Amino acid sequence: MNVVITGGLGFIGLALARRLAARDDVETLTLFDAAPPETGLSPPAAAEVVAGDVSDPACVRTLLDREDLVVFHLASIVSAGGERDFDLAVRVNLDGGRNVFEACRATGRVPRLVFASTLAVFGGSGMPETVSDTTRPTPQTTYGATKAACELLINDYTRKGFLDGRTARLPTVVIRPGAPNAAASGFASAVFREPLAGRSYDLPVPLDTRVPIIGVRTAVDCIIRLAELEEGLGDDRVLNLPSLSVTVEEMVASLRRVAEERHLDIGPVGVREDPGVVRIVRTWPRYATAEGALALGLPRDLELDQIVADYLADEF
């Protein structure tokens, strides 16, 4: 198969690329992005890097004009960045998404497409304590709204036979290496990454803040598994990925446990609330079920400490 990853130089894109580069069934691997690697990591040697803007329809159509195509569409403007610049978020996330879908359609070959959505499609005063695959999306951020719109489009493009789509609603993915990006969820990685590097870190949210998370290894495994599925998806191609619901206080406790077990010195952790980040995070669900993903055999994380241990194994 010929694989294209939009947003291929981002955190998840590079992790996915490294995994796919080791597979014998991947003929070509193309990483499409507008920016250099955000983590400072190099793409795998087997990958071709193509610079471009997902909101440029001609560029995207040329990129996807190939046979036996599998597309992983990860490119987007993330949460806090979308709140700062509405027009940019709509241009990249919504218009860019439709460019990808239309380019798939133009091939006439019904390519397989996996779209990275988010639990931030949920929100609002009527949001239940626990969201499921079928909870009504009522996003309270531009990021979530553009992702929800693309979810609906993928279902319809699949129904029309233009592409074979499947959508992964991602919880907060941890632990992100390198410099923080514009995601409001960045604290969930920084609370581990910064102290483990010996640096102090002030959390922008209260310790009782609760978020669903997923380890990057598990997230990549889920995304690949979705691409491999041949049946069982039905007419709604949207699935919540399995998550662990943890408080920030539990994150700090896990950090300290793992550091103590490994005799690591860590930097101090404090709290300095950022009202903008707090406002965004409070719109997100606290718990999420993933019945559909689990029924299809997608993996899940069993404990937070293992996610931290995996990060140490991968990054140190």
C-alpha atoms as a PDB file:
ATOM      1  CA  MET A   1       0.000   0.000   0.000  1.00  0.00           C
ATOM      2  CA  ASN A   2       0.986   3.612  -0.559  1.00  0.00           C
ATOM      3  CA  VAL A   3       0.578   5.609   2.648  1.00  0.00           C
ATOM      4  CA  VAL A   4       0.162   9.362   3.001  1.00  0.00           C
ATOM      5  CA  ILE A   5       0.100  11.001   6.445  1.00  0.00           C
ATOM      6  CA  THR A   6      -1.096  14.600   6.526  1.00  0.00           C
ATOM      7  CA  GLY A   7       0.375  16.355   9.519  1.00  0.00           C
ATOM      8  CA  GLY A   8       3.072  13.723   9.183  1.00  0.00           C
ATOM      9  CA  LEU A   9       5.745  15.754  10.980  1.00  0.00           C
ATOM     10  CA  GLY A  10       3.670  16.271  14.108  1.00  0.00           C
ATOM     11  CA  PHE A  11       3.876  14.257  17.304  1.00  0.00           C
ATOM     12  CA  ILE A  12       1.405  11.530  16.373  1.00  0.00           C
ATOM     13  CA  GLY A  13       2.331  11.662  12.686  1.00  0.00           C
ATOM     14  CA  LEU A  14       5.982  10.865  13.369  1.00  0.00           C
ATOM     15  CA  ALA A  15       5.116   8.104  15.839  1.00  0.00           C
ATOM     16  CA  LEU A  16       2.772   6.585  13.255  1.00  0.00           C
ATOM     17  CA  ALA A  17       5.368   6.968  10.493  1.00  0.00           C
ATOM     18  CA  ARG A  18       8.042   5.178  12.513  1.00  0.00           C
ATOM     19  CA  ARG A  19       5.688   2.261  13.069  1.00  0.00           C
ATOM     20  CA  LEU A  20       4.567   2.046   9.426  1.00  0.00           C
ATOM     21  CA  ALA A  21       8.117   2.336   8.068  1.00  0.00           C
ATOM     22  CA  ALA A  22       8.917  -1.034   9.639  1.00  0.00           C
ATOM     23  CA  ARG A  23       6.099  -2.845   7.817  1.00  0.00           C
ATOM     24  CA  ASP A  24       6.701  -4.946   4.721  1.00  0.00           C
ATOM     25  CA  ASP A  25       3.321  -4.099   3.195  1.00  0.00           C
ATOM     26  CA  VAL A  26       4.047  -0.351   2.975  1.00  0.00           C
ATOM     27  CA  GLU A  27       5.369   0.382  -0.494  1.00  0.00           C
ATOM     28  CA  THR A  28       5.717   4.153  -0.149  1.00  0.00           C
ATOM     29  CA  LEU A  29       5.382   6.398   2.910  1.00  0.00           C
ATOM     30  CA  THR A  30       4.789  10.123   2.381  1.00  0.00           C
ATOM     31  CA  LEU A  31       4.695  12.669   5.199  1.00  0.00           C
ATOM     32  CA  PHE A  32       2.856  15.854   4.214  1.00  0.00           C
ATOM     33  CA  ASP A  33       3.147  18.893   6.450  1.00  0.00           C
ATOM     34  CA  ALA A  34       3.460  22.657   6.402  1.00  0.00           C
ATOM     35  CA  ALA A  35       6.019  22.818   9.198  1.00  0.00           C
ATOM     36  CA  PRO A  36       9.233  21.078  10.304  1.00  0.00           C
ATOM     37  CA  PRO A  37       8.996  18.308  12.915  1.00  0.00           C
ATOM     38  CA  GLU A  38       7.475  19.789  16.069  1.00  0.00           C
ATOM     39  CA  THR A  39       9.287  17.380  18.367  1.00  0.00           C
ATOM     40  CA  GLY A  40      12.760  17.816  16.909  1.00  0.00           C
ATOM     41  CA  LEU A  41      12.706  14.150  15.856  1.00  0.00           C
ATOM     42  CA  SER A  42      13.685  13.099  12.352  1.00  0.00           C
ATOM     43  CA  PRO A  43      11.262  11.218  10.108  1.00  0.00           C
ATOM     44  CA  PRO A  44      12.167   7.628   9.212  1.00  0.00           C
ATOM     45  CA  ALA A  45      14.681   7.275   6.381  1.00  0.00           C
ATOM     46  CA  ALA A  46      12.150   5.378   4.276  1.00  0.00           C
ATOM     47  CA  ALA A  47       9.697   8.292   4.281  1.00  0.00           C
ATOM     48  CA  GLU A  48       9.407  11.033   1.686  1.00  0.00           C
ATOM     49  CA  VAL A  49       8.674  14.440   3.196  1.00  0.00           C
ATOM     50  CA  VAL A  50       6.491  16.769   1.138  1.00  0.00           C
ATOM     51  CA  ALA A  51       5.994  20.369   2.252  1.00  0.00           C
ATOM     52  CA  GLY A  52       2.625  21.922   1.532  1.00  0.00           C
ATOM     53  CA  ASP A  53      -0.602  23.412   2.791  1.00  0.00           C
ATOM     54  CA  VAL A  54      -3.592  21.139   3.294  1.00  0.00           C
ATOM     55  CA  SER A  55      -5.840  24.082   2.446  1.00  0.00           C
ATOM     56  CA  ASP A  56      -4.388  24.146  -1.116  1.00  0.00           C
ATOM     57  CA  PRO A  57      -6.708  21.823  -3.098  1.00  0.00           C
ATOM     58  CA  ALA A  58      -4.392  21.427  -6.098  1.00  0.00           C
ATOM     59  CA  CYS A  59      -1.468  20.472  -3.868  1.00  0.00           C
ATOM     60  CA  VAL A  60      -3.549  17.914  -1.984  1.00  0.00           C
ATOM     61  CA  ARG A  61      -4.993  16.412  -5.164  1.00  0.00           C
ATOM     62  CA  THR A  62      -1.505  15.879  -6.611  1.00  0.00           C
ATOM     63  CA  LEU A  63      -0.354  14.340  -3.331  1.00  0.00           C
ATOM     64  CA  LEU A  64      -3.135  11.740  -3.239  1.00  0.00           C
ATOM     65  CA  ASP A  65      -3.177  10.765  -6.902  1.00  0.00           C
ATOM     66  CA  ARG A  66      -1.826   7.250  -6.436  1.00  0.00           C
ATOM     67  CA  GLU A  67      -3.067   3.659  -6.401  1.00  0.00           C
ATOM     68  CA  ASP A  68      -3.557   1.370  -3.387  1.00  0.00           C
ATOM     69  CA  LEU A  69      -3.809   4.506  -1.254  1.00  0.00           C
ATOM     70  CA  VAL A  70      -4.241   4.672   2.526  1.00  0.00           C
ATOM     71  CA  VAL A  71      -4.522   8.180   3.996  1.00  0.00           C
ATOM     72  CA  PHE A  72      -4.056   9.078   7.648  1.00  0.00           C
ATOM     73  CA  HIS A  73      -5.464  12.597   7.943  1.00  0.00           C
ATOM     74  CA  LEU A  74      -3.943  14.151  11.066  1.00  0.00           C
ATOM     75  CA  ALA A  75      -3.267  17.737   9.951  1.00  0.00           C
ATOM     76  CA  SER A  76      -5.111  20.397  11.965  1.00  0.00           C
ATOM     77  CA  ILE A  77      -4.940  23.595  13.959  1.00  0.00           C
ATOM     78  CA  VAL A  78      -5.276  22.454  17.569  1.00  0.00           C
ATOM     79  CA  SER A  79      -7.519  23.668  20.369  1.00  0.00           C
ATOM     80  CA  ALA A  80      -6.025  26.861  21.799  1.00  0.00           C
ATOM     81  CA  GLY A  81      -4.633  27.796  18.384  1.00  0.00           C
ATOM     82  CA  GLY A  82      -8.112  27.483  16.917  1.00  0.00           C
ATOM     83  CA  GLU A  83      -9.583  29.717  19.592  1.00  0.00           C
ATOM     84  CA  ARG A  84      -7.004  32.390  18.853  1.00  0.00           C
ATOM     85  CA  ASP A  85      -7.530  32.298  15.074  1.00  0.00           C
ATOM     86  CA  PHE A  86     -10.987  31.187  13.945  1.00  0.00           C
ATOM     87  CA  ASP A  87     -10.346  31.769  10.234  1.00  0.00           C
ATOM     88  CA  LEU A  88      -7.127  29.754  10.255  1.00  0.00           C
ATOM     89  CA  ALA A  89      -8.815  26.860  12.069  1.00  0.00           C
ATOM     90  CA  VAL A  90     -11.686  26.769   9.588  1.00  0.00           C
ATOM     91  CA  ARG A  91      -9.330  27.050   6.602  1.00  0.00           C
ATOM     92  CA  VAL A  92      -7.020  24.236   7.745  1.00  0.00           C
ATOM     93  CA  ASN A  93      -9.353  21.925   9.655  1.00  0.00           C
ATOM     94  CA  LEU A  94     -12.581  22.188   7.679  1.00  0.00           C
ATOM     95  CA  ASP A  95     -11.564  23.379   4.223  1.00  0.00           C
ATOM     96  CA  GLY A  96      -8.364  21.339   4.413  1.00  0.00           C
ATOM     97  CA  GLY A  97     -10.324  18.274   5.459  1.00  0.00           C
ATOM     98  CA  ARG A  98     -12.701  18.650   2.549  1.00  0.00           C
ATOM     99  CA  ASN A  99      -9.720  19.059   0.201  1.00  0.00           C
ATOM    100  CA  VAL A 100      -8.413  15.704   1.410  1.00  0.00           C
ATOM    101  CA  PHE A 101     -11.831  14.055   0.993  1.00  0.00           C
ATOM    102  CA  GLU A 102     -12.278  15.526  -2.475  1.00  0.00           C
ATOM    103  CA  ALA A 103      -8.800  14.428  -3.514  1.00  0.00           C
ATOM    104  CA  CYS A 104      -9.662  10.887  -2.396  1.00  0.00           C
ATOM    105  CA  ARG A 105     -12.887  11.090  -4.392  1.00  0.00           C
ATOM    106  CA  ALA A 106     -11.030  12.332  -7.477  1.00  0.00           C
ATOM    107  CA  THR A 107      -8.883   9.191  -7.579  1.00  0.00           C
ATOM    108  CA  GLY A 108     -11.980   7.129  -8.422  1.00  0.00           C
ATOM    109  CA  ARG A 109     -10.476   4.230  -6.450  1.00  0.00           C
ATOM    110  CA  VAL A 110     -12.252   4.510  -3.052  1.00  0.00           C
ATOM    111  CA  PRO A 111      -9.063   4.930  -0.984  1.00  0.00           C
ATOM    112  CA  ARG A 112      -9.078   4.068   2.697  1.00  0.00           C
ATOM    113  CA  LEU A 113      -8.905   7.080   5.020  1.00  0.00           C
ATOM    114  CA  VAL A 114      -8.421   7.274   8.788  1.00  0.00           C
ATOM    115  CA  PHE A 115      -9.291  10.657  10.282  1.00  0.00           C
ATOM    116  CA  ALA A 116      -8.000  11.847  13.655  1.00  0.00           C
ATOM    117  CA  SER A 117     -10.899  13.536  15.452  1.00  0.00           C
ATOM    118  CA  THR A 118     -11.149  14.394  19.143  1.00  0.00           C
ATOM    119  CA  LEU A 119     -13.266  14.021  22.261  1.00  0.00           C
ATOM    120  CA  ALA A 120     -13.480  17.827  22.110  1.00  0.00           C
ATOM    121  CA  VAL A 121     -16.427  17.336  19.737  1.00  0.00           C
ATOM    122  CA  PHE A 122     -18.394  16.914  22.976  1.00  0.00           C
ATOM    123  CA  GLY A 123     -19.311  19.760  25.283  1.00  0.00           C
ATOM    124  CA  GLY A 124     -22.042  22.108  26.361  1.00  0.00           C
ATOM    125  CA  SER A 125     -24.294  22.301  29.381  1.00  0.00           C
ATOM    126  CA  GLY A 126     -26.165  19.145  28.366  1.00  0.00           C
ATOM    127  CA  MET A 127     -23.060  16.961  28.060  1.00  0.00           C
ATOM    128  CA  PRO A 128     -23.314  13.894  30.313  1.00  0.00           C
ATOM    129  CA  GLU A 129     -20.616  12.954  32.824  1.00  0.00           C
ATOM    130  CA  THR A 130     -19.641  10.059  30.541  1.00  0.00           C
ATOM    131  CA  VAL A 131     -19.768  10.336  26.745  1.00  0.00           C
ATOM    132  CA  SER A 132     -20.108   7.400  24.364  1.00  0.00           C
ATOM    133  CA  ASP A 133     -19.816   6.837  20.615  1.00  0.00           C
ATOM    134  CA  THR A 134     -23.416   7.965  20.208  1.00  0.00           C
ATOM    135  CA  THR A 135     -23.484  10.996  22.537  1.00  0.00           C
ATOM    136  CA  ARG A 136     -24.536  14.039  20.560  1.00  0.00           C
ATOM    137  CA  PRO A 137     -21.552  16.264  19.685  1.00  0.00           C
ATOM    138  CA  THR A 138     -22.008  19.835  20.936  1.00  0.00           C
ATOM    139  CA  PRO A 139     -18.483  21.269  20.728  1.00  0.00           C
ATOM    140  CA  GLN A 140     -17.594  24.422  22.621  1.00  0.00           C
ATOM    141  CA  THR A 141     -14.411  25.206  20.689  1.00  0.00           C
ATOM    142  CA  THR A 142     -13.747  25.941  17.023  1.00  0.00           C
ATOM    143  CA  TYR A 143     -11.341  23.001  17.014  1.00  0.00           C
ATOM    144  CA  GLY A 144     -14.082  20.646  18.171  1.00  0.00           C
ATOM    145  CA  ALA A 145     -16.634  22.137  15.771  1.00  0.00           C
ATOM    146  CA  THR A 146     -14.404  21.670  12.716  1.00  0.00           C
ATOM    147  CA  LYS A 147     -13.615  18.104  13.736  1.00  0.00           C
ATOM    148  CA  ALA A 148     -17.312  17.299  14.221  1.00  0.00           C
ATOM    149  CA  ALA A 149     -18.104  18.694  10.767  1.00  0.00           C
ATOM    150  CA  CYS A 150     -15.430  16.465   9.210  1.00  0.00           C
ATOM    151  CA  GLU A 151     -16.824  13.433  11.040  1.00  0.00           C
ATOM    152  CA  LEU A 152     -20.177  13.950   9.316  1.00  0.00           C
ATOM    153  CA  LEU A 153     -18.552  14.526   5.931  1.00  0.00           C
ATOM    154  CA  ILE A 154     -16.532  11.313   6.200  1.00  0.00           C
ATOM    155  CA  ASN A 155     -19.681   9.332   6.933  1.00  0.00           C
ATOM    156  CA  ASP A 156     -21.357  10.819   3.874  1.00  0.00           C
ATOM    157  CA  TYR A 157     -18.361  10.469   1.551  1.00  0.00           C
ATOM    158  CA  THR A 158     -18.203   6.818   2.646  1.00  0.00           C
ATOM    159  CA  ARG A 159     -21.947   6.351   2.070  1.00  0.00           C
ATOM    160  CA  LYS A 160     -21.549   7.765  -1.441  1.00  0.00           C
ATOM    161  CA  GLY A 161     -18.646   5.419  -2.186  1.00  0.00           C
ATOM    162  CA  PHE A 162     -16.106   8.239  -2.649  1.00  0.00           C
ATOM    163  CA  LEU A 163     -13.764   6.874   0.027  1.00  0.00           C
ATOM    164  CA  ASP A 164     -13.641   4.216   2.741  1.00  0.00           C
ATOM    165  CA  GLY A 165     -13.502   6.315   5.884  1.00  0.00           C
ATOM    166  CA  ARG A 166     -13.090   5.628   9.559  1.00  0.00           C
ATOM    167  CA  THR A 167     -12.794   8.249  12.322  1.00  0.00           C
ATOM    168  CA  ALA A 168     -10.823   7.912  15.557  1.00  0.00           C
ATOM    169  CA  ARG A 169     -11.941  10.269  18.316  1.00  0.00           C
ATOM    170  CA  LEU A 170      -8.716  10.758  20.236  1.00  0.00           C
ATOM    171  CA  PRO A 171      -8.535  11.446  23.952  1.00  0.00           C
ATOM    172  CA  THR A 172      -5.589  13.586  25.060  1.00  0.00           C
ATOM    173  CA  VAL A 173      -2.491  11.750  23.777  1.00  0.00           C
ATOM    174  CA  VAL A 174       0.487  11.586  26.148  1.00  0.00           C
ATOM    175  CA  ILE A 175       3.406  11.961  26.570  1.00  0.00           C
ATOM    176  CA  ARG A 176       4.365  14.511  23.922  1.00  0.00           C
ATOM    177  CA  PRO A 177       8.159  15.059  23.664  1.00  0.00           C
ATOM    178  CA  GLY A 178       9.836  18.321  22.705  1.00  0.00           C
ATOM    179  CA  ALA A 179       8.495  21.842  22.968  1.00  0.00           C
ATOM    180  CA  PRO A 180       4.790  22.327  23.773  1.00  0.00           C
ATOM    181  CA  ASN A 181       2.381  23.190  20.943  1.00  0.00           C
ATOM    182  CA  ALA A 182      -0.797  25.318  20.996  1.00  0.00           C
ATOM    183  CA  ALA A 183      -3.021  22.539  22.359  1.00  0.00           C
ATOM    184  CA  ALA A 184      -4.854  23.365  25.576  1.00  0.00           C
ATOM    185  CA  SER A 185      -4.227  19.751  26.571  1.00  0.00           C
ATOM    186  CA  GLY A 186      -0.460  20.281  26.520  1.00  0.00           C
ATOM    187  CA  PHE A 187      -0.285  20.250  30.315  1.00  0.00           C
ATOM    188  CA  ALA A 188      -1.088  16.523  30.340  1.00  0.00           C
ATOM    189  CA  SER A 189       2.262  15.850  28.664  1.00  0.00           C
ATOM    190  CA  ALA A 190       4.241  18.687  30.191  1.00  0.00           C
ATOM    191  CA  VAL A 191       3.463  17.563  33.744  1.00  0.00           C
ATOM    192  CA  PHE A 192       5.534  14.453  33.010  1.00  0.00           C
ATOM    193  CA  ARG A 193       8.024  15.671  30.412  1.00  0.00           C
ATOM    194  CA  GLU A 194       9.284  18.794  32.166  1.00  0.00           C
ATOM    195  CA  PRO A 195       9.919  17.330  35.660  1.00  0.00           C
ATOM    196  CA  LEU A 196      11.496  14.200  34.143  1.00  0.00           C
ATOM    197  CA  ALA A 197      13.916  16.503  32.323  1.00  0.00           C
ATOM    198  CA  GLY A 198      14.770  18.151  35.656  1.00  0.00           C
ATOM    199  CA  ARG A 199      12.803  21.320  34.920  1.00  0.00           C
ATOM    200  CA  SER A 200      10.133  22.917  37.096  1.00  0.00           C
ATOM    201  CA  TYR A 201       6.584  23.026  35.750  1.00  0.00           C
ATOM    202  CA  ASP A 202       3.540  25.061  36.746  1.00  0.00           C
ATOM    203  CA  LEU A 203       0.243  23.453  35.828  1.00  0.00           C
ATOM    204  CA  PRO A 204      -2.257  25.807  34.137  1.00  0.00           C
ATOM    205  CA  VAL A 205      -5.245  23.898  35.572  1.00  0.00           C
ATOM    206  CA  PRO A 206      -6.334  22.813  39.077  1.00  0.00           C
ATOM    207  CA  LEU A 207      -5.197  19.454  40.458  1.00  0.00           C
ATOM    208  CA  ASP A 208      -8.765  18.093  40.453  1.00  0.00           C
ATOM    209  CA  THR A 209      -9.068  18.572  36.668  1.00  0.00           C
ATOM    210  CA  ARG A 210     -10.038  15.234  35.108  1.00  0.00           C
ATOM    211  CA  VAL A 211      -9.349  14.279  31.477  1.00  0.00           C
ATOM    212  CA  PRO A 212      -9.497  11.080  29.416  1.00  0.00           C
ATOM    213  CA  ILE A 213      -6.018  10.193  28.114  1.00  0.00           C
ATOM    214  CA  ILE A 214      -4.369   7.608  25.883  1.00  0.00           C
ATOM    215  CA  GLY A 215      -0.697   6.666  25.566  1.00  0.00           C
ATOM    216  CA  VAL A 216       0.945   7.436  22.235  1.00  0.00           C
ATOM    217  CA  ARG A 217       1.842   3.783  21.637  1.00  0.00           C
ATOM    218  CA  THR A 218      -1.777   2.752  22.126  1.00  0.00           C
ATOM    219  CA  ALA A 219      -3.077   5.643  20.029  1.00  0.00           C
ATOM    220  CA  VAL A 220      -0.864   4.615  17.101  1.00  0.00           C
ATOM    221  CA  ASP A 221      -1.870   0.961  17.502  1.00  0.00           C
ATOM    222  CA  CYS A 222      -5.546   1.976  17.416  1.00  0.00           C
ATOM    223  CA  ILE A 223      -5.117   4.153  14.319  1.00  0.00           C
ATOM    224  CA  ILE A 224      -3.324   1.387  12.430  1.00  0.00           C
ATOM    225  CA  ARG A 225      -5.896  -1.183  13.505  1.00  0.00           C
ATOM    226  CA  LEU A 226      -8.679   1.057  12.229  1.00  0.00           C
ATOM    227  CA  ALA A 227      -6.962   1.253   8.862  1.00  0.00           C
ATOM    228  CA  GLU A 228      -6.708  -2.538   8.711  1.00  0.00           C
ATOM    229  CA  LEU A 229     -10.350  -3.318   9.500  1.00  0.00           C
ATOM    230  CA  GLU A 230     -12.248  -4.914   6.658  1.00  0.00           C
ATOM    231  CA  GLU A 231     -15.659  -5.250   8.318  1.00  0.00           C
ATOM    232  CA  GLY A 232     -17.685  -4.391  11.415  1.00  0.00           C
ATOM    233  CA  LEU A 233     -17.728  -0.613  11.013  1.00  0.00           C
ATOM    234  CA  GLY A 234     -21.333  -0.090   9.898  1.00  0.00           C
ATOM    235  CA  ASP A 235     -22.730   3.182   8.572  1.00  0.00           C
ATOM    236  CA  ASP A 236     -21.393   5.362  11.387  1.00  0.00           C
ATOM    237  CA  ARG A 237     -17.638   5.342  10.965  1.00  0.00           C
ATOM    238  CA  VAL A 238     -16.899   7.302  14.170  1.00  0.00           C
ATOM    239  CA  LEU A 239     -15.384   5.617  17.231  1.00  0.00           C
ATOM    240  CA  ASN A 240     -14.167   6.911  20.578  1.00  0.00           C
ATOM    241  CA  LEU A 241     -10.730   5.437  21.211  1.00  0.00           C
ATOM    242  CA  PRO A 242     -10.294   3.685  24.591  1.00  0.00           C
ATOM    243  CA  SER A 243      -9.101   6.024  27.321  1.00  0.00           C
ATOM    244  CA  LEU A 244      -8.057   6.233  30.953  1.00  0.00           C
ATOM    245  CA  SER A 245      -9.845   8.955  32.929  1.00  0.00           C
ATOM    246  CA  VAL A 246      -7.383  10.525  35.347  1.00  0.00           C
ATOM    247  CA  THR A 247      -7.077  13.688  37.410  1.00  0.00           C
ATOM    248  CA  VAL A 248      -4.080  15.969  37.245  1.00  0.00           C
ATOM    249  CA  GLU A 249      -3.354  15.012  40.845  1.00  0.00           C
ATOM    250  CA  GLU A 250      -3.190  11.353  39.751  1.00  0.00           C
ATOM    251  CA  MET A 251      -0.792  12.349  36.964  1.00  0.00           C
ATOM    252  CA  VAL A 252       1.547  13.978  39.470  1.00  0.00           C
ATOM    253  CA  ALA A 253       1.340  10.935  41.758  1.00  0.00           C
ATOM    254  CA  SER A 254       2.180   8.616  38.856  1.00  0.00           C
ATOM    255  CA  LEU A 255       5.134  10.807  37.883  1.00  0.00           C
ATOM    256  CA  ARG A 256       6.504  10.613  41.415  1.00  0.00           C
ATOM    257  CA  ARG A 257       5.937   6.855  41.713  1.00  0.00           C
ATOM    258  CA  VAL A 258       7.731   6.032  38.492  1.00  0.00           C
ATOM    259  CA  ALA A 259      10.570   8.449  39.284  1.00  0.00           C
ATOM    260  CA  GLU A 260      11.006   6.926  42.741  1.00  0.00           C
ATOM    261  CA  GLU A 261      11.020   3.376  41.362  1.00  0.00           C
ATOM    262  CA  ARG A 262      13.754   4.357  38.893  1.00  0.00           C
ATOM    263  CA  HIS A 263      15.688   6.586  41.302  1.00  0.00           C
ATOM    264  CA  LEU A 264      15.220   9.647  39.093  1.00  0.00           C
ATOM    265  CA  ASP A 265      15.494  13.227  40.296  1.00  0.00           C
ATOM    266  CA  ILE A 266      12.593  15.305  39.013  1.00  0.00           C
ATOM    267  CA  GLY A 267      11.821  18.987  38.858  1.00  0.00           C
ATOM    268  CA  PRO A 268       9.144  20.527  41.092  1.00  0.00           C
ATOM    269  CA  VAL A 269       5.491  20.741  40.049  1.00  0.00           C
ATOM    270  CA  GLY A 270       3.307  23.698  41.018  1.00  0.00           C
ATOM    271  CA  VAL A 271       0.000  25.236  39.937  1.00  0.00           C
ATOM    272  CA  ARG A 272      -0.450  28.594  38.231  1.00  0.00           C
ATOM    273  CA  GLU A 273      -3.867  28.616  36.614  1.00  0.00           C
ATOM    274  CA  ASP A 274      -4.317  30.002  33.112  1.00  0.00           C
ATOM    275  CA  PRO A 275      -7.958  31.134  32.780  1.00  0.00           C
ATOM    276  CA  GLY A 276      -7.958  30.589  29.008  1.00  0.00           C
ATOM    277  CA  VAL A 277      -6.752  27.001  29.303  1.00  0.00           C
ATOM    278  CA  VAL A 278      -9.084  26.290  32.233  1.00  0.00           C
ATOM    279  CA  ARG A 279     -12.041  27.617  30.245  1.00  0.00           C
ATOM    280  CA  ILE A 280     -11.303  25.321  27.277  1.00  0.00           C
ATOM    281  CA  VAL A 281     -10.554  22.217  29.345  1.00  0.00           C
ATOM    282  CA  ARG A 282     -13.781  22.590  31.337  1.00  0.00           C
ATOM    283  CA  THR A 283     -15.765  22.144  28.116  1.00  0.00           C
ATOM    284  CA  TRP A 284     -14.323  18.648  27.581  1.00  0.00           C
ATOM    285  CA  PRO A 285     -15.810  15.368  28.848  1.00  0.00           C
ATOM    286  CA  ARG A 286     -14.461  13.845  32.050  1.00  0.00           C
ATOM    287  CA  TYR A 287     -15.107  10.220  31.119  1.00  0.00           C
ATOM    288  CA  ALA A 288     -15.547   8.469  27.772  1.00  0.00           C
ATOM    289  CA  THR A 289     -16.571   4.923  26.912  1.00  0.00           C
ATOM    290  CA  ALA A 290     -15.355   3.119  23.793  1.00  0.00           C
ATOM    291  CA  GLU A 291     -17.686   0.167  23.312  1.00  0.00           C
ATOM    292  CA  GLY A 292     -17.361   0.150  19.524  1.00  0.00           C
ATOM    293  CA  ALA A 293     -13.560   0.290  19.496  1.00  0.00           C
ATOM    294  CA  LEU A 294     -13.225  -2.437  22.108  1.00  0.00           C
ATOM    295  CA  ALA A 295     -15.730  -4.666  20.289  1.00  0.00           C
ATOM    296  CA  LEU A 296     -13.559  -4.351  17.177  1.00  0.00           C
ATOM    297  CA  GLY A 297     -10.476  -5.417  19.119  1.00  0.00           C
ATOM    298  CA  LEU A 298      -8.713  -2.062  19.415  1.00  0.00           C
ATOM    299  CA  PRO A 299      -6.163  -1.971  22.268  1.00  0.00           C
ATOM    300  CA  ARG A 300      -6.360   0.067  25.463  1.00  0.00           C
ATOM    301  CA  ASP A 301      -4.018   1.319  28.160  1.00  0.00           C
ATOM    302  CA  LEU A 302      -4.346  -0.485  31.479  1.00  0.00           C
ATOM    303  CA  GLU A 303      -2.539   1.948  33.788  1.00  0.00           C
ATOM    304  CA  LEU A 304      -1.013   5.404  33.814  1.00  0.00           C
ATOM    305  CA  ASP A 305       2.332   4.260  35.232  1.00  0.00           C
ATOM    306  CA  GLN A 306       2.904   2.110  32.150  1.00  0.00           C
ATOM    307  CA  ILE A 307       2.394   5.127  29.868  1.00  0.00           C
ATOM    308  CA  VAL A 308       5.087   6.983  31.828  1.00  0.00           C
ATOM    309  CA  ALA A 309       7.404   3.959  31.673  1.00  0.00           C
ATOM    310  CA  ASP A 310       6.858   3.696  27.896  1.00  0.00           C
ATOM    311  CA  TYR A 311       7.793   7.353  27.498  1.00  0.00           C
ATOM    312  CA  LEU A 312      11.022   6.823  29.418  1.00  0.00           C
ATOM    313  CA  ALA A 313      11.830   3.798  27.277  1.00  0.00           C
ATOM    314  CA  ASP A 314      11.155   5.670  24.033  1.00  0.00           C
ATOM    315  CA  GLU A 315      12.750   9.023  24.842  1.00  0.00           C
ATOM    316  CA  PHE A 316      15.669   8.290  27.184  1.00  0.00           C
END
